[in-house]
Amino acid sequence: MFRSSEDGEIGLGKQEVNGRDDDSEIIRNVNGFVHSIVDHAAAQLKNQYELLVPHELELRSSGAEGVWTKTTIPRGTKYGPYIGKWLQKPIDMRFAWEAISMLQRQ
């Protein structure tokens, strides 16, 4: 995951380490980079998609499904690379995200 601001600065954020009640997983979040150590494969599969989402964003599966922001995201902020495909055409392309693979970027 790469994040940058419009002026090209890339900041180093405060390091956070969070544990879970059952101690089956330790999540380390460093400036939007999420690293996870999971003891059980089932727990890893369950949380895999949540761990890939930057802390400013959240996945919603009820109502309007998709990726929603929790905070204001500065203009020029970039996330990715992510590999994906359109499951359906967006209603308004101004609010759609472009998902490309590393091979397409080269």
N, C-alpha and C. Protein backbone atom coordinates (compact mmCIF):
# COMPACT_ATOMS: atom_id res chain seq x y z
N MET A 1 0.84 -1.17 0.00
CA MET A 1 0.00 0.00 0.00
C MET A 1 0.89 1.24 0.00
N PHE A 2 0.63 2.14 -0.90
CA PHE A 2 1.39 3.37 -0.96
C PHE A 2 0.45 4.53 -0.71
N ARG A 3 0.88 5.45 0.11
CA ARG A 3 0.08 6.66 0.35
C ARG A 3 0.97 7.85 0.09
N SER A 4 0.43 8.82 -0.59
CA SER A 4 1.19 10.05 -0.78
C SER A 4 0.21 11.21 -0.80
N SER A 5 0.69 12.36 -0.47
CA SER A 5 -0.16 13.55 -0.51
C SER A 5 0.06 14.27 -1.83
N GLU A 6 -0.76 15.24 -2.10
CA GLU A 6 -0.69 15.96 -3.36
C GLU A 6 0.66 16.65 -3.55
N ASP A 7 1.26 17.09 -2.48
CA ASP A 7 2.54 17.79 -2.59
C ASP A 7 3.73 16.82 -2.61
N GLY A 8 3.47 15.52 -2.64
CA GLY A 8 4.54 14.55 -2.77
C GLY A 8 5.15 14.09 -1.47
N GLU A 9 4.70 14.61 -0.35
CA GLU A 9 5.27 14.18 0.92
C GLU A 9 4.73 12.82 1.30
N ILE A 10 5.60 12.00 1.84
CA ILE A 10 5.19 10.72 2.39
C ILE A 10 5.59 10.73 3.84
N GLY A 11 4.62 10.68 4.72
CA GLY A 11 4.90 10.82 6.14
C GLY A 11 5.10 9.49 6.84
N LEU A 12 5.85 9.52 7.89
CA LEU A 12 5.99 8.37 8.76
C LEU A 12 5.13 8.62 9.98
N GLY A 13 4.15 7.77 10.16
CA GLY A 13 3.19 8.00 11.23
C GLY A 13 3.57 7.30 12.51
N LYS A 14 2.77 7.55 13.52
CA LYS A 14 2.95 6.92 14.82
C LYS A 14 2.67 5.43 14.71
N GLN A 15 3.48 4.64 15.33
CA GLN A 15 3.32 3.19 15.29
C GLN A 15 2.34 2.75 16.37
N GLU A 16 1.39 1.90 15.98
CA GLU A 16 0.40 1.40 16.92
C GLU A 16 0.43 -0.13 16.91
N VAL A 17 0.26 -0.73 18.06
CA VAL A 17 0.14 -2.17 18.16
C VAL A 17 -1.11 -2.46 18.96
N ASN A 18 -2.02 -3.22 18.36
CA ASN A 18 -3.28 -3.55 19.00
C ASN A 18 -3.42 -5.06 19.11
N GLY A 19 -3.90 -5.54 20.25
CA GLY A 19 -4.17 -6.96 20.42
C GLY A 19 -5.65 -7.22 20.49
N ARG A 20 -6.05 -8.48 20.34
CA ARG A 20 -7.45 -8.86 20.44
C ARG A 20 -7.68 -9.55 21.77
N ASP A 21 -8.96 -9.64 22.19
CA ASP A 21 -9.30 -10.26 23.46
C ASP A 21 -8.87 -11.71 23.54
N ASP A 22 -9.01 -12.44 22.42
CA ASP A 22 -8.69 -13.86 22.46
C ASP A 22 -7.21 -14.14 22.21
N ASP A 23 -6.42 -13.12 21.99
CA ASP A 23 -4.98 -13.22 21.75
C ASP A 23 -4.63 -14.09 20.55
N SER A 24 -5.60 -14.35 19.66
CA SER A 24 -5.31 -15.17 18.48
C SER A 24 -4.68 -14.34 17.37
N GLU A 25 -4.74 -13.03 17.51
CA GLU A 25 -4.23 -12.19 16.44
C GLU A 25 -3.61 -10.92 17.01
N ILE A 26 -2.49 -10.53 16.45
CA ILE A 26 -1.86 -9.26 16.80
C ILE A 26 -1.82 -8.44 15.52
N ILE A 27 -2.32 -7.23 15.59
CA ILE A 27 -2.35 -6.36 14.42
C ILE A 27 -1.40 -5.20 14.67
N ARG A 28 -0.51 -4.97 13.74
CA ARG A 28 0.40 -3.82 13.82
C ARG A 28 0.04 -2.87 12.69
N ASN A 29 -0.23 -1.63 13.04
CA ASN A 29 -0.61 -0.62 12.06
C ASN A 29 0.45 0.47 12.09
N VAL A 30 1.18 0.61 10.99
CA VAL A 30 2.20 1.64 10.87
C VAL A 30 1.85 2.52 9.68
N ASN A 31 1.32 3.73 9.98
CA ASN A 31 0.99 4.70 8.94
C ASN A 31 0.15 4.10 7.81
N GLY A 32 -0.87 3.34 8.17
CA GLY A 32 -1.75 2.77 7.16
C GLY A 32 -1.32 1.42 6.64
N PHE A 33 -0.11 0.96 6.97
CA PHE A 33 0.33 -0.36 6.58
C PHE A 33 -0.07 -1.31 7.70
N VAL A 34 -0.83 -2.34 7.36
CA VAL A 34 -1.33 -3.26 8.37
C VAL A 34 -0.62 -4.59 8.23
N HIS A 35 -0.06 -5.07 9.33
CA HIS A 35 0.61 -6.36 9.37
C HIS A 35 -0.10 -7.20 10.42
N SER A 36 -0.27 -8.47 10.13
CA SER A 36 -1.03 -9.31 11.05
C SER A 36 -0.29 -10.62 11.28
N ILE A 37 -0.31 -11.08 12.52
CA ILE A 37 0.19 -12.39 12.89
C ILE A 37 -1.00 -13.16 13.43
N VAL A 38 -1.39 -14.23 12.74
CA VAL A 38 -2.58 -14.98 13.11
C VAL A 38 -2.18 -16.41 13.47
N ASP A 39 -2.74 -16.92 14.58
CA ASP A 39 -2.44 -18.27 15.01
C ASP A 39 -3.26 -19.32 14.27
N HIS A 40 -4.46 -18.97 13.83
CA HIS A 40 -5.34 -19.95 13.21
C HIS A 40 -5.70 -19.52 11.79
N ALA A 41 -5.67 -20.47 10.87
CA ALA A 41 -6.00 -20.17 9.48
C ALA A 41 -7.42 -19.65 9.34
N ALA A 42 -8.35 -20.17 10.12
CA ALA A 42 -9.75 -19.72 10.04
C ALA A 42 -9.87 -18.25 10.42
N ALA A 43 -9.16 -17.83 11.45
CA ALA A 43 -9.20 -16.43 11.87
C ALA A 43 -8.59 -15.54 10.79
N GLN A 44 -7.55 -16.03 10.15
CA GLN A 44 -6.90 -15.25 9.10
C GLN A 44 -7.85 -15.06 7.92
N LEU A 45 -8.54 -16.12 7.52
CA LEU A 45 -9.46 -16.02 6.40
C LEU A 45 -10.61 -15.06 6.71
N LYS A 46 -11.13 -15.15 7.94
CA LYS A 46 -12.25 -14.30 8.35
C LYS A 46 -11.88 -12.82 8.31
N ASN A 47 -10.68 -12.49 8.72
CA ASN A 47 -10.27 -11.08 8.83
C ASN A 47 -9.42 -10.59 7.66
N GLN A 48 -9.17 -11.44 6.69
CA GLN A 48 -8.26 -11.09 5.60
C GLN A 48 -8.67 -9.81 4.89
N TYR A 49 -9.92 -9.68 4.53
CA TYR A 49 -10.36 -8.50 3.79
C TYR A 49 -10.34 -7.25 4.66
N GLU A 50 -10.68 -7.38 5.94
CA GLU A 50 -10.66 -6.22 6.84
C GLU A 50 -9.24 -5.71 7.03
N LEU A 51 -8.26 -6.59 7.03
CA LEU A 51 -6.87 -6.19 7.25
C LEU A 51 -6.27 -5.48 6.05
N LEU A 52 -6.82 -5.72 4.87
CA LEU A 52 -6.31 -5.09 3.66
C LEU A 52 -6.81 -3.67 3.47
N VAL A 53 -7.83 -3.29 4.21
CA VAL A 53 -8.43 -1.97 4.06
C VAL A 53 -7.70 -0.96 4.95
N PRO A 54 -7.23 0.15 4.38
CA PRO A 54 -6.59 1.19 5.20
C PRO A 54 -7.52 1.69 6.29
N HIS A 55 -6.96 2.19 7.39
CA HIS A 55 -7.77 2.57 8.55
C HIS A 55 -8.75 3.71 8.25
N GLU A 56 -8.51 4.49 7.20
CA GLU A 56 -9.44 5.58 6.85
C GLU A 56 -10.69 5.08 6.15
N LEU A 57 -10.69 3.82 5.72
CA LEU A 57 -11.78 3.26 4.93
C LEU A 57 -12.43 2.10 5.65
N GLU A 58 -13.66 1.76 5.24
CA GLU A 58 -14.33 0.58 5.79
C GLU A 58 -15.17 -0.07 4.70
N LEU A 59 -15.32 -1.39 4.81
CA LEU A 59 -16.18 -2.14 3.90
C LEU A 59 -17.56 -2.23 4.51
N ARG A 60 -18.58 -2.00 3.69
CA ARG A 60 -19.96 -2.14 4.16
C ARG A 60 -20.66 -3.16 3.27
N SER A 61 -21.41 -4.05 3.91
CA SER A 61 -22.13 -5.06 3.15
C SER A 61 -23.64 -4.93 3.29
N SER A 62 -24.11 -3.98 4.09
CA SER A 62 -25.55 -3.76 4.20
C SER A 62 -25.89 -2.41 3.59
N GLY A 63 -27.08 -2.29 3.05
CA GLY A 63 -27.44 -1.04 2.38
C GLY A 63 -26.69 -0.93 1.07
N ALA A 64 -26.00 0.16 0.86
CA ALA A 64 -25.18 0.33 -0.34
C ALA A 64 -23.82 -0.32 -0.08
N GLU A 65 -23.58 -1.46 -0.71
CA GLU A 65 -22.31 -2.16 -0.50
C GLU A 65 -21.16 -1.39 -1.12
N GLY A 66 -20.00 -1.52 -0.51
CA GLY A 66 -18.83 -0.89 -1.09
C GLY A 66 -17.83 -0.44 -0.05
N VAL A 67 -16.95 0.43 -0.47
CA VAL A 67 -15.91 1.00 0.37
C VAL A 67 -16.32 2.42 0.73
N TRP A 68 -16.32 2.73 2.02
CA TRP A 68 -16.74 4.04 2.52
C TRP A 68 -15.61 4.65 3.33
N THR A 69 -15.51 5.97 3.36
CA THR A 69 -14.49 6.63 4.15
C THR A 69 -15.01 6.94 5.55
N LYS A 70 -14.13 6.83 6.52
CA LYS A 70 -14.45 7.17 7.91
C LYS A 70 -14.02 8.59 8.24
N THR A 71 -13.06 9.11 7.49
CA THR A 71 -12.52 10.45 7.72
C THR A 71 -12.34 11.15 6.37
N THR A 72 -12.00 12.42 6.42
CA THR A 72 -11.70 13.14 5.19
C THR A 72 -10.36 12.66 4.66
N ILE A 73 -10.31 12.37 3.38
CA ILE A 73 -9.07 11.91 2.76
C ILE A 73 -8.54 13.06 1.91
N PRO A 74 -7.31 13.51 2.18
CA PRO A 74 -6.76 14.64 1.43
C PRO A 74 -6.66 14.35 -0.07
N ARG A 75 -6.87 15.37 -0.88
CA ARG A 75 -6.76 15.24 -2.33
C ARG A 75 -5.36 14.75 -2.68
N GLY A 76 -5.27 13.82 -3.60
CA GLY A 76 -3.99 13.28 -4.03
C GLY A 76 -3.54 12.05 -3.27
N THR A 77 -4.28 11.64 -2.23
CA THR A 77 -3.93 10.44 -1.49
C THR A 77 -4.10 9.24 -2.41
N LYS A 78 -3.14 8.32 -2.38
CA LYS A 78 -3.19 7.14 -3.25
C LYS A 78 -3.10 5.88 -2.41
N TYR A 79 -3.86 4.88 -2.81
CA TYR A 79 -3.83 3.57 -2.17
C TYR A 79 -3.54 2.54 -3.25
N GLY A 80 -2.91 1.46 -2.84
CA GLY A 80 -2.72 0.38 -3.81
C GLY A 80 -1.28 -0.03 -3.90
N PRO A 81 -0.96 -0.86 -4.80
CA PRO A 81 -1.82 -1.32 -5.89
C PRO A 81 -2.78 -2.42 -5.44
N TYR A 82 -3.95 -2.44 -6.01
CA TYR A 82 -4.95 -3.48 -5.80
C TYR A 82 -5.29 -4.09 -7.14
N ILE A 83 -5.57 -5.36 -7.15
CA ILE A 83 -6.00 -6.06 -8.35
C ILE A 83 -7.49 -6.30 -8.22
N GLY A 84 -8.25 -5.99 -9.22
CA GLY A 84 -9.68 -6.19 -9.13
C GLY A 84 -10.36 -6.09 -10.47
N LYS A 85 -11.67 -6.32 -10.48
CA LYS A 85 -12.48 -6.18 -11.68
C LYS A 85 -13.84 -5.63 -11.28
N TRP A 86 -14.52 -5.00 -12.22
CA TRP A 86 -15.85 -4.46 -11.97
C TRP A 86 -16.84 -5.61 -11.82
N LEU A 87 -17.58 -5.62 -10.73
CA LEU A 87 -18.65 -6.58 -10.56
C LEU A 87 -19.94 -6.04 -11.17
N GLN A 88 -20.07 -4.74 -11.18
CA GLN A 88 -21.18 -4.07 -11.86
C GLN A 88 -20.71 -2.68 -12.22
N LYS A 89 -21.33 -2.07 -13.19
CA LYS A 89 -20.93 -0.72 -13.61
C LYS A 89 -21.38 0.28 -12.55
N PRO A 90 -20.49 1.18 -12.12
CA PRO A 90 -20.85 2.19 -11.13
C PRO A 90 -21.95 3.11 -11.65
N ILE A 91 -22.79 3.58 -10.75
CA ILE A 91 -23.86 4.51 -11.12
C ILE A 91 -23.26 5.83 -11.60
N ASP A 92 -22.25 6.31 -10.92
CA ASP A 92 -21.61 7.57 -11.28
C ASP A 92 -20.10 7.34 -11.32
N MET A 93 -19.51 7.41 -12.49
CA MET A 93 -18.08 7.11 -12.65
C MET A 93 -17.17 8.08 -11.90
N ARG A 94 -17.68 9.26 -11.53
CA ARG A 94 -16.85 10.20 -10.76
C ARG A 94 -16.49 9.64 -9.40
N PHE A 95 -17.29 8.71 -8.89
CA PHE A 95 -17.05 8.16 -7.57
C PHE A 95 -16.50 6.74 -7.64
N ALA A 96 -16.12 6.29 -8.80
CA ALA A 96 -15.58 4.94 -8.97
C ALA A 96 -14.06 4.96 -8.77
N TRP A 97 -13.54 3.84 -8.35
CA TRP A 97 -12.10 3.70 -8.20
C TRP A 97 -11.57 2.89 -9.36
N GLU A 98 -10.38 3.24 -9.82
CA GLU A 98 -9.74 2.46 -10.85
C GLU A 98 -8.86 1.42 -10.17
N ALA A 99 -9.07 0.17 -10.51
CA ALA A 99 -8.27 -0.92 -9.94
C ALA A 99 -7.45 -1.54 -11.06
N ILE A 100 -6.12 -1.52 -10.90
CA ILE A 100 -5.24 -2.07 -11.94
C ILE A 100 -4.24 -3.00 -11.28
N SER A 101 -3.65 -3.86 -12.07
CA SER A 101 -2.63 -4.76 -11.55
C SER A 101 -1.26 -4.12 -11.76
N MET A 102 -0.25 -4.67 -11.13
CA MET A 102 1.11 -4.16 -11.28
C MET A 102 1.56 -4.27 -12.73
N LEU A 103 1.13 -5.31 -13.46
CA LEU A 103 1.54 -5.48 -14.84
C LEU A 103 1.01 -4.36 -15.72
N GLN A 104 -0.19 -3.87 -15.43
CA GLN A 104 -0.77 -2.79 -16.23
C GLN A 104 -0.08 -1.46 -15.96
N ARG A 105 0.55 -1.29 -14.81
CA ARG A 105 1.22 -0.03 -14.46
C ARG A 105 2.53 0.14 -15.19
N GLN A 106 3.15 -0.95 -15.61
CA GLN A 106 4.49 -0.88 -16.20
C GLN A 106 4.47 -0.41 -17.62
